[in-house]
Amino acid sequence: MGKTINLNTNIQLTINQLVDLAKQLPQKDRLRIASMLLDEDTTFSKEELKAKIKEGLDEIHLHKKGQVKLRTLSDFLSDV
């Protein structure tokens, strides 16, 4: 198992930033996050969340084919 780090912090993220971050996670973790978000009361619809998740997954498939370059976690965090 890889090393992990626990961070307790309050970082405000937009939905797009959350999607960008989720794109960098393994599929199992992405699905877990999506499940948690769907179970909570949110200010956006299930359909909107599903569309964002699908968009992220589609982008991951393009990345695996070498058609899209994803940002690193370091790049993402530097934008926050």
Protein backbone atom coordinates (compact mmCIF):
# COMPACT_ATOMS: atom_id res chain seq x y z
CA MET A 1 0.00 0.00 0.00
CA GLY A 2 1.22 3.52 -0.80
CA LYS A 3 1.98 6.18 1.75
CA THR A 4 -0.87 8.43 2.81
CA ILE A 5 -1.06 11.80 4.45
CA ASN A 6 -3.96 13.18 6.46
CA LEU A 7 -4.70 16.86 6.12
CA ASN A 8 -7.29 18.74 8.12
CA THR A 9 -7.93 22.01 6.35
CA ASN A 10 -10.73 24.13 5.00
CA ILE A 11 -10.15 24.65 1.28
CA GLN A 12 -13.00 26.06 -0.76
CA LEU A 13 -13.29 24.41 -4.17
CA THR A 14 -15.54 25.10 -7.10
CA ILE A 15 -17.32 22.16 -8.69
CA ASN A 16 -14.90 22.33 -11.63
CA GLN A 17 -11.91 22.24 -9.27
CA LEU A 18 -13.40 19.26 -7.45
CA VAL A 19 -13.91 17.49 -10.78
CA ASP A 20 -10.32 18.26 -11.78
CA LEU A 21 -9.08 16.85 -8.50
CA ALA A 22 -11.28 13.75 -8.76
CA LYS A 23 -9.89 13.06 -12.25
CA GLN A 24 -6.56 12.30 -10.67
CA LEU A 25 -7.94 9.65 -8.32
CA PRO A 26 -8.24 5.92 -9.00
CA GLN A 27 -11.68 4.90 -10.28
CA LYS A 28 -12.59 3.22 -6.97
CA ASP A 29 -12.01 6.48 -5.10
CA ARG A 30 -13.87 8.56 -7.71
CA LEU A 31 -16.89 6.30 -7.39
CA ARG A 32 -16.74 6.51 -3.60
CA ILE A 33 -16.69 10.31 -3.70
CA ALA A 34 -19.54 10.38 -6.22
CA SER A 35 -21.58 8.08 -4.01
CA MET A 36 -20.96 10.27 -0.96
CA LEU A 37 -21.94 13.41 -2.87
CA LEU A 38 -25.13 11.87 -4.20
CA ASP A 39 -26.17 10.85 -0.68
CA GLU A 40 -25.82 14.41 0.66
CA ASP A 41 -28.20 17.30 0.11
CA THR A 42 -26.56 19.48 -2.49
CA THR A 43 -27.35 22.70 -4.28
CA PHE A 44 -27.08 21.01 -7.69
CA SER A 45 -29.13 18.22 -9.20
CA LYS A 46 -28.19 14.57 -9.49
CA GLU A 47 -28.19 14.94 -13.25
CA GLU A 48 -25.69 17.81 -13.08
CA LEU A 49 -23.39 15.82 -10.82
CA LYS A 50 -23.65 12.74 -13.02
CA ALA A 51 -22.84 14.86 -16.07
CA LYS A 52 -19.76 16.31 -14.35
CA ILE A 53 -18.59 12.85 -13.27
CA LYS A 54 -19.13 11.50 -16.79
CA GLU A 55 -17.22 14.46 -18.19
CA GLY A 56 -14.34 13.72 -15.83
CA LEU A 57 -14.32 10.03 -16.67
CA ASP A 58 -14.39 10.81 -20.40
CA GLU A 59 -11.41 13.10 -19.94
CA ILE A 60 -9.54 10.35 -18.09
CA HIS A 61 -10.14 7.97 -20.99
CA LEU A 62 -8.78 10.60 -23.40
CA HIS A 63 -5.77 11.06 -21.12
CA LYS A 64 -5.08 7.33 -21.15
CA LYS A 65 -5.15 7.44 -24.96
CA GLY A 66 -2.66 10.31 -24.88
CA GLN A 67 -5.13 12.81 -26.34
CA VAL A 68 -5.42 15.05 -23.24
CA LYS A 69 -2.87 16.08 -20.64
CA LEU A 70 -4.23 16.37 -17.09
CA ARG A 71 -2.95 18.78 -14.48
CA THR A 72 -0.89 17.39 -11.62
CA LEU A 73 -2.12 17.67 -8.04
CA SER A 74 0.63 20.22 -7.40
CA ASP A 75 -0.62 22.39 -10.28
CA PHE A 76 -4.17 22.09 -9.03
CA LEU A 77 -3.30 23.04 -5.47
CA SER A 78 -1.26 26.02 -6.65
CA ASP A 79 -4.46 27.39 -8.25
CA VAL A 80 -6.48 27.12 -5.04
